[in-house]
C-alpha atoms as a PDB file:
ATOM      1  CA  MET A   1     -20.763  10.405 -18.850  1.00  0.00           C
ATOM      2  CA  PRO A   2     -22.048  12.927 -16.283  1.00  0.00           C
ATOM      3  CA  GLY A   3     -20.613  12.331 -12.831  1.00  0.00           C
ATOM      4  CA  VAL A   4     -17.640  10.267 -14.018  1.00  0.00           C
ATOM      5  CA  ARG A   5     -14.297  11.696 -12.887  1.00  0.00           C
ATOM      6  CA  ARG A   6     -11.465  12.169 -15.355  1.00  0.00           C
ATOM      7  CA  GLU A   7      -8.872  10.178 -13.414  1.00  0.00           C
ATOM      8  CA  PHE A   8      -8.594   6.493 -14.156  1.00  0.00           C
ATOM      9  CA  VAL A   9      -7.791   4.799 -10.848  1.00  0.00           C
ATOM     10  CA  SER A  10      -5.963   1.501 -10.401  1.00  0.00           C
ATOM     11  CA  VAL A  11      -6.115  -0.233  -7.018  1.00  0.00           C
ATOM     12  CA  VAL A  12      -3.437  -2.901  -6.526  1.00  0.00           C
ATOM     13  CA  ILE A  13      -4.009  -5.482  -3.784  1.00  0.00           C
ATOM     14  CA  PRO A  14      -1.409  -8.190  -3.030  1.00  0.00           C
ATOM     15  CA  THR A  15      -3.040 -11.268  -1.490  1.00  0.00           C
ATOM     16  CA  PHE A  16      -2.042 -14.451   0.266  1.00  0.00           C
ATOM     17  CA  ARG A  17      -4.839 -16.667   1.620  1.00  0.00           C
ATOM     18  CA  GLU A  18      -7.402 -13.859   1.929  1.00  0.00           C
ATOM     19  CA  GLU A  19     -10.547 -15.649   0.754  1.00  0.00           C
ATOM     20  CA  LYS A  20     -12.454 -14.587   3.888  1.00  0.00           C
ATOM     21  CA  ASN A  21     -11.642 -10.912   3.381  1.00  0.00           C
ATOM     22  CA  ILE A  22     -11.217 -10.167  -0.305  1.00  0.00           C
ATOM     23  CA  GLY A  23     -14.918 -10.017  -1.170  1.00  0.00           C
ATOM     24  CA  LYS A  24     -15.591  -7.366   1.473  1.00  0.00           C
ATOM     25  CA  VAL A  25     -12.521  -5.392   0.406  1.00  0.00           C
ATOM     26  CA  LEU A  26     -13.621  -5.343  -3.231  1.00  0.00           C
ATOM     27  CA  ARG A  27     -17.180  -4.341  -2.368  1.00  0.00           C
ATOM     28  CA  GLY A  28     -15.846  -1.462  -0.281  1.00  0.00           C
ATOM     29  CA  VAL A  29     -13.495  -0.299  -3.024  1.00  0.00           C
ATOM     30  CA  ASN A  30     -16.164  -0.419  -5.715  1.00  0.00           C
ATOM     31  CA  LYS A  31     -18.598   1.484  -3.495  1.00  0.00           C
ATOM     32  CA  GLN A  32     -16.122   4.276  -2.770  1.00  0.00           C
ATOM     33  CA  LEU A  33     -14.956   4.537  -6.385  1.00  0.00           C
ATOM     34  CA  LYS A  34     -18.439   4.776  -7.837  1.00  0.00           C
ATOM     35  CA  GLY A  35     -18.206   7.649 -10.296  1.00  0.00           C
ATOM     36  CA  TYR A  36     -14.564   6.946 -11.123  1.00  0.00           C
ATOM     37  CA  ASP A  37     -13.332   4.847 -14.009  1.00  0.00           C
ATOM     38  CA  HIS A  38     -11.281   2.266 -12.172  1.00  0.00           C
ATOM     39  CA  GLU A  39      -9.749  -1.166 -12.141  1.00  0.00           C
ATOM     40  CA  ILE A  40      -8.785  -3.491  -9.305  1.00  0.00           C
ATOM     41  CA  ILE A  41      -5.726  -5.691  -9.717  1.00  0.00           C
ATOM     42  CA  VAL A  42      -5.373  -8.561  -7.268  1.00  0.00           C
ATOM     43  CA  VAL A  43      -1.880 -10.061  -7.202  1.00  0.00           C
ATOM     44  CA  ASP A  44      -2.369 -13.458  -5.626  1.00  0.00           C
ATOM     45  CA  ASP A  45       0.419 -15.651  -4.319  1.00  0.00           C
ATOM     46  CA  VAL A  46       0.373 -18.929  -6.243  1.00  0.00           C
ATOM     47  CA  ARG A  47       0.932 -20.706  -2.913  1.00  0.00           C
ATOM     48  CA  SER A  48      -2.379 -19.460  -1.482  1.00  0.00           C
ATOM     49  CA  LYS A  49      -4.279 -22.642  -2.373  1.00  0.00           C
ATOM     50  CA  ASP A  50      -7.623 -21.080  -1.484  1.00  0.00           C
ATOM     51  CA  GLU A  51     -10.454 -19.265  -3.271  1.00  0.00           C
ATOM     52  CA  THR A  52      -9.016 -15.734  -3.132  1.00  0.00           C
ATOM     53  CA  ALA A  53      -8.375 -15.504  -6.874  1.00  0.00           C
ATOM     54  CA  GLU A  54     -11.713 -17.033  -7.850  1.00  0.00           C
ATOM     55  CA  ILE A  55     -13.663 -14.680  -5.589  1.00  0.00           C
ATOM     56  CA  ALA A  56     -11.748 -11.649  -6.861  1.00  0.00           C
ATOM     57  CA  ARG A  57     -12.188 -12.618 -10.501  1.00  0.00           C
ATOM     58  CA  GLY A  58     -15.890 -13.251  -9.953  1.00  0.00           C
ATOM     59  CA  MET A  59     -16.248  -9.702  -8.627  1.00  0.00           C
ATOM     60  CA  GLY A  60     -14.604  -8.142 -11.660  1.00  0.00           C
ATOM     61  CA  ALA A  61     -11.017  -7.786 -10.479  1.00  0.00           C
ATOM     62  CA  ARG A  62      -8.096  -8.544 -12.763  1.00  0.00           C
ATOM     63  CA  VAL A  63      -6.067 -11.335 -11.181  1.00  0.00           C
ATOM     64  CA  ILE A  64      -2.369 -11.876 -11.791  1.00  0.00           C
ATOM     65  CA  TYR A  65       0.009 -14.132  -9.892  1.00  0.00           C
ATOM     66  CA  ASP A  66       3.316 -13.930  -8.062  1.00  0.00           C
ATOM     67  CA  ASN A  67       5.281 -16.377  -5.936  1.00  0.00           C
ATOM     68  CA  VAL A  68       7.950 -14.266  -4.233  1.00  0.00           C
ATOM     69  CA  GLY A  69       6.565 -11.921  -1.554  1.00  0.00           C
ATOM     70  CA  LYS A  70       4.527  -8.817  -0.805  1.00  0.00           C
ATOM     71  CA  GLY A  71       7.018  -6.383  -2.289  1.00  0.00           C
ATOM     72  CA  ALA A  72       7.424  -8.336  -5.497  1.00  0.00           C
ATOM     73  CA  ALA A  73       3.656  -8.720  -5.813  1.00  0.00           C
ATOM     74  CA  LEU A  74       3.070  -4.999  -5.324  1.00  0.00           C
ATOM     75  CA  VAL A  75       5.687  -4.057  -7.917  1.00  0.00           C
ATOM     76  CA  LYS A  76       4.203  -6.527 -10.384  1.00  0.00           C
ATOM     77  CA  GLY A  77       0.727  -5.125  -9.848  1.00  0.00           C
ATOM     78  CA  LEU A  78       1.866  -1.523 -10.212  1.00  0.00           C
ATOM     79  CA  ARG A  79       3.606  -2.386 -13.475  1.00  0.00           C
ATOM     80  CA  ALA A  80       0.393  -3.912 -14.796  1.00  0.00           C
ATOM     81  CA  ALA A  81      -1.771  -0.976 -13.704  1.00  0.00           C
ATOM     82  CA  ARG A  82      -3.135   1.420 -16.336  1.00  0.00           C
ATOM     83  CA  GLY A  83      -4.400   4.199 -14.099  1.00  0.00           C
ATOM     84  CA  ASP A  84      -3.546   7.868 -13.813  1.00  0.00           C
ATOM     85  CA  VAL A  85      -3.657   7.302 -10.041  1.00  0.00           C
ATOM     86  CA  LEU A  86      -2.250   4.060  -8.623  1.00  0.00           C
ATOM     87  CA  ILE A  87      -3.209   2.907  -5.142  1.00  0.00           C
ATOM     88  CA  ALA A  88      -1.584   0.201  -3.026  1.00  0.00           C
ATOM     89  CA  MET A  89      -3.939  -1.413  -0.534  1.00  0.00           C
ATOM     90  CA  ASP A  90      -3.910  -4.399   1.820  1.00  0.00           C
ATOM     91  CA  ALA A  91      -6.341  -7.300   1.523  1.00  0.00           C
ATOM     92  CA  ASP A  92      -7.180  -7.892   5.185  1.00  0.00           C
ATOM     93  CA  LEU A  93      -9.734  -5.073   5.702  1.00  0.00           C
ATOM     94  CA  SER A  94      -7.226  -3.061   7.723  1.00  0.00           C
ATOM     95  CA  ASN A  95      -7.320  -0.222   5.173  1.00  0.00           C
ATOM     96  CA  GLU A  96     -10.503   1.842   5.099  1.00  0.00           C
ATOM     97  CA  PRO A  97     -11.974   2.108   1.566  1.00  0.00           C
ATOM     98  CA  LYS A  98     -13.563   5.414   2.578  1.00  0.00           C
ATOM     99  CA  GLU A  99     -10.043   6.915   2.631  1.00  0.00           C
ATOM    100  CA  LEU A 100      -9.502   6.171  -1.061  1.00  0.00           C
ATOM    101  CA  ARG A 101     -10.793   9.531  -2.223  1.00  0.00           C
ATOM    102  CA  LEU A 102      -8.336  11.373   0.010  1.00  0.00           C
ATOM    103  CA  LEU A 103      -5.486   9.410  -1.555  1.00  0.00           C
ATOM    104  CA  ILE A 104      -6.791  10.208  -5.034  1.00  0.00           C
ATOM    105  CA  ASP A 105      -7.304  13.901  -4.328  1.00  0.00           C
ATOM    106  CA  ALA A 106      -3.704  14.305  -3.122  1.00  0.00           C
ATOM    107  CA  ILE A 107      -2.399  13.064  -6.468  1.00  0.00           C
ATOM    108  CA  ASP A 108      -4.953  15.160  -8.325  1.00  0.00           C
ATOM    109  CA  ILE A 109      -3.644  18.381  -6.733  1.00  0.00           C
ATOM    110  CA  GLY A 110      -0.063  17.645  -7.689  1.00  0.00           C
ATOM    111  CA  TYR A 111       1.686  15.278  -5.290  1.00  0.00           C
ATOM    112  CA  ASP A 112       3.704  12.349  -6.628  1.00  0.00           C
ATOM    113  CA  ILE A 113       3.041  10.109  -3.631  1.00  0.00           C
ATOM    114  CA  CYS A 114       0.440  10.255  -0.887  1.00  0.00           C
ATOM    115  CA  THR A 115       0.943   7.914   2.045  1.00  0.00           C
ATOM    116  CA  GLY A 116      -1.394   7.149   4.887  1.00  0.00           C
ATOM    117  CA  SER A 117      -0.087   7.750   8.399  1.00  0.00           C
ATOM    118  CA  ARG A 118      -1.414   6.246  11.613  1.00  0.00           C
ATOM    119  CA  PHE A 119       0.563   8.720  13.706  1.00  0.00           C
ATOM    120  CA  ILE A 120      -0.700  12.143  12.703  1.00  0.00           C
ATOM    121  CA  ILE A 121      -3.847  13.869  13.940  1.00  0.00           C
ATOM    122  CA  GLY A 122      -6.853  12.032  12.573  1.00  0.00           C
ATOM    123  CA  GLY A 123      -5.011   8.734  12.137  1.00  0.00           C
ATOM    124  CA  GLY A 124      -4.785   5.717  14.408  1.00  0.00           C
ATOM    125  CA  SER A 125      -4.572   1.955  14.646  1.00  0.00           C
ATOM    126  CA  GLU A 126      -6.611  -0.819  16.208  1.00  0.00           C
ATOM    127  CA  ASP A 127      -3.999  -3.413  15.314  1.00  0.00           C
ATOM    128  CA  ILE A 128      -0.503  -2.349  16.351  1.00  0.00           C
ATOM    129  CA  PRO A 129       0.938  -3.387  19.737  1.00  0.00           C
ATOM    130  CA  LEU A 130       3.178  -1.038  21.688  1.00  0.00           C
ATOM    131  CA  PHE A 131       6.428  -2.810  20.810  1.00  0.00           C
ATOM    132  CA  ARG A 132       5.644  -2.390  17.094  1.00  0.00           C
ATOM    133  CA  VAL A 133       4.755   1.274  17.670  1.00  0.00           C
ATOM    134  CA  PHE A 134       8.189   1.680  19.245  1.00  0.00           C
ATOM    135  CA  GLY A 135       9.911  -0.115  16.360  1.00  0.00           C
ATOM    136  CA  ASN A 136       8.079   1.967  13.792  1.00  0.00           C
ATOM    137  CA  LYS A 137       9.079   5.192  15.547  1.00  0.00           C
ATOM    138  CA  MET A 138      12.716   4.092  15.634  1.00  0.00           C
ATOM    139  CA  PHE A 139      12.657   3.398  11.893  1.00  0.00           C
ATOM    140  CA  VAL A 140      10.975   6.749  11.267  1.00  0.00           C
ATOM    141  CA  LEU A 141      13.636   8.548  13.307  1.00  0.00           C
ATOM    142  CA  LEU A 142      16.449   6.744  11.521  1.00  0.00           C
ATOM    143  CA  VAL A 143      15.092   7.470   8.031  1.00  0.00           C
ATOM    144  CA  ASN A 144      14.371  11.097   8.876  1.00  0.00           C
ATOM    145  CA  LEU A 145      17.906  11.582  10.213  1.00  0.00           C
ATOM    146  CA  LEU A 146      19.691   9.772   7.403  1.00  0.00           C
ATOM    147  CA  PHE A 147      17.698  11.151   4.488  1.00  0.00           C
ATOM    148  CA  GLY A 148      16.410  14.517   5.694  1.00  0.00           C
ATOM    149  CA  ALA A 149      12.789  13.389   5.621  1.00  0.00           C
ATOM    150  CA  ASN A 150       9.804  14.347   7.762  1.00  0.00           C
ATOM    151  CA  TYR A 151       7.836  11.105   7.901  1.00  0.00           C
ATOM    152  CA  THR A 152       5.625  10.101  10.817  1.00  0.00           C
ATOM    153  CA  ASP A 153       4.956   6.503   9.689  1.00  0.00           C
ATOM    154  CA  MET A 154       7.328   4.089   7.987  1.00  0.00           C
ATOM    155  CA  CYS A 155       5.781   0.639   7.638  1.00  0.00           C
ATOM    156  CA  TYR A 156       2.259   1.334   6.397  1.00  0.00           C
ATOM    157  CA  GLY A 157       1.255   0.247   2.915  1.00  0.00           C
ATOM    158  CA  TYR A 158      -1.854   2.294   2.164  1.00  0.00           C
ATOM    159  CA  ARG A 159      -0.717   4.894  -0.353  1.00  0.00           C
ATOM    160  CA  SER A 160      -1.201   6.375  -3.808  1.00  0.00           C
ATOM    161  CA  PHE A 161       1.115   7.255  -6.675  1.00  0.00           C
ATOM    162  CA  LYS A 162       0.995   9.439  -9.734  1.00  0.00           C
ATOM    163  CA  LYS A 163       1.256   7.466 -12.963  1.00  0.00           C
ATOM    164  CA  GLY A 164       4.886   6.720 -13.774  1.00  0.00           C
ATOM    165  CA  VAL A 165       6.194   7.248 -10.242  1.00  0.00           C
ATOM    166  CA  PRO A 166       6.658   3.564  -9.287  1.00  0.00           C
ATOM    167  CA  ALA A 167       8.786   2.987 -12.390  1.00  0.00           C
ATOM    168  CA  ARG A 168      10.966   5.987 -11.479  1.00  0.00           C
ATOM    169  CA  LEU A 169      11.541   4.522  -8.015  1.00  0.00           C
ATOM    170  CA  ASP A 170      13.091   1.338  -9.450  1.00  0.00           C
ATOM    171  CA  LEU A 171      11.781  -0.764  -6.573  1.00  0.00           C
ATOM    172  CA  ARG A 172      13.753  -3.903  -5.670  1.00  0.00           C
ATOM    173  CA  GLU A 173      12.469  -5.135  -2.308  1.00  0.00           C
ATOM    174  CA  LYS A 174      10.672  -8.480  -2.473  1.00  0.00           C
ATOM    175  CA  GLY A 175       9.057  -8.554   0.963  1.00  0.00           C
ATOM    176  CA  PHE A 176       7.955  -6.290   3.804  1.00  0.00           C
ATOM    177  CA  GLY A 177      10.757  -3.816   3.185  1.00  0.00           C
ATOM    178  CA  ILE A 178       8.843  -2.410   0.215  1.00  0.00           C
ATOM    179  CA  GLU A 179       7.136   0.463   2.084  1.00  0.00           C
ATOM    180  CA  THR A 180      10.424   1.630   3.568  1.00  0.00           C
ATOM    181  CA  GLU A 181      12.141   1.434   0.190  1.00  0.00           C
ATOM    182  CA  ILE A 182       9.380   3.560  -1.366  1.00  0.00           C
ATOM    183  CA  ASN A 183       9.718   6.191   1.357  1.00  0.00           C
ATOM    184  CA  ILE A 184      13.496   6.412   1.083  1.00  0.00           C
ATOM    185  CA  LYS A 185      13.730   6.455  -2.707  1.00  0.00           C
ATOM    186  CA  ALA A 186      10.975   9.062  -2.970  1.00  0.00           C
ATOM    187  CA  ILE A 187      13.058  11.392  -0.784  1.00  0.00           C
ATOM    188  CA  LYS A 188      16.273  10.660  -2.663  1.00  0.00           C
ATOM    189  CA  LYS A 189      14.562  11.448  -5.972  1.00  0.00           C
ATOM    190  CA  HIS A 190      13.076  14.691  -4.597  1.00  0.00           C
ATOM    191  CA  MET A 191       9.495  13.675  -5.191  1.00  0.00           C
ATOM    192  CA  ARG A 192       6.514  15.594  -3.888  1.00  0.00           C
ATOM    193  CA  ILE A 193       5.231  13.581  -0.910  1.00  0.00           C
ATOM    194  CA  VAL A 194       2.371  14.152   1.489  1.00  0.00           C
ATOM    195  CA  GLU A 195       1.076  12.158   4.444  1.00  0.00           C
ATOM    196  CA  VAL A 196      -2.638  12.001   5.228  1.00  0.00           C
ATOM    197  CA  PRO A 197      -4.305  10.569   8.333  1.00  0.00           C
ATOM    198  CA  SER A 198      -5.318   6.937   8.076  1.00  0.00           C
ATOM    199  CA  THR A 199      -7.036   4.636  10.554  1.00  0.00           C
ATOM    200  CA  GLU A 200      -5.786   1.062  10.512  1.00  0.00           C
ATOM    201  CA  LYS A 201      -8.506  -1.419  11.383  1.00  0.00           C
ATOM    202  CA  ARG A 202      -7.981  -4.781  13.019  1.00  0.00           C
ATOM    203  CA  ARG A 203      -7.565  -7.671  10.566  1.00  0.00           C
ATOM    204  CA  ALA A 204     -11.040  -9.078   9.930  1.00  0.00           C
ATOM    205  CA  ALA A 205     -10.192 -12.762   9.441  1.00  0.00           C
ATOM    206  CA  GLY A 206      -7.197 -15.016   9.006  1.00  0.00           C
ATOM    207  CA  GLU A 207      -3.642 -14.706  10.242  1.00  0.00           C
ATOM    208  CA  GLY A 208      -1.397 -11.681   9.715  1.00  0.00           C
ATOM    209  CA  LYS A 209       1.677 -12.256   7.571  1.00  0.00           C
ATOM    210  CA  LEU A 210       4.017  -9.795   9.311  1.00  0.00           C
ATOM    211  CA  ARG A 211       6.587 -11.352  11.660  1.00  0.00           C
ATOM    212  CA  THR A 212       7.832  -8.593  13.930  1.00  0.00           C
ATOM    213  CA  PHE A 213      11.497  -9.440  14.487  1.00  0.00           C
ATOM    214  CA  ARG A 214      12.197 -11.138  11.160  1.00  0.00           C
ATOM    215  CA  ASP A 215      10.572  -8.363   9.157  1.00  0.00           C
ATOM    216  CA  GLY A 216      11.997  -5.685  11.452  1.00  0.00           C
ATOM    217  CA  TRP A 217      15.440  -6.868  10.410  1.00  0.00           C
ATOM    218  CA  VAL A 218      14.342  -6.706   6.758  1.00  0.00           C
ATOM    219  CA  ILE A 219      13.237  -3.082   7.237  1.00  0.00           C
ATOM    220  CA  LEU A 220      16.497  -2.128   8.958  1.00  0.00           C
ATOM    221  CA  SER A 221      18.478  -3.786   6.168  1.00  0.00           C
ATOM    222  CA  THR A 222      16.436  -1.866   3.583  1.00  0.00           C
ATOM    223  CA  ILE A 223      17.301   1.424   5.300  1.00  0.00           C
ATOM    224  CA  LEU A 224      21.009   0.672   5.491  1.00  0.00           C
ATOM    225  CA  LYS A 225      21.375  -0.577   1.913  1.00  0.00           C
ATOM    226  CA  ASN A 226      19.809   2.653   0.598  1.00  0.00           C
ATOM    227  CA  VAL A 227      22.118   5.041   2.475  1.00  0.00           C
ATOM    228  CA  TYR A 228      24.379   5.405  -0.578  1.00  0.00           C
END
């Protein structure tokens, strides 16, 4: 069909009690991917006990279930995805759908992974307090020193992958260490990685799932266990 792009795009969205946000997220994704063949996979936590899955299914998303954590849900969704370009996205309206095309274009020109960064020119955040900025920068510094990387952001989940890349990474993290694991393993496997500016919006509704000190320890543990 005229105007339809060649890439088939899969957007994977882990969810946990996001019934107030998921409809707006899906409308934004579908609007920005008009002209692309695409699918949206919502990986809902079976413990949600709300209408997230029903809303997503009613808007045309494919819904699968997980009961472990964000990392496990993301891996499960990526395994189920059929696209040439795979995109990981949050469900709380913090990720701008209008940035989707930038993530797709980076894969289209030859990168294996494109990751959004809040800390390069053009990026930013409305939803990260100073103590989390500091923690993020410490993790970035540690990963860059240990693995010879050049990252500017470590704990941000908005990113895209070339088909087949997630399987090559052999991802094991079940929770909030998943982004750090992706970054480290991509470097260790000599993948082509690029960061693009991304603006993180404030969560629209509901309560954030990240717990700073608990999940900070998870991220540090993920770094240390991947040193060798």
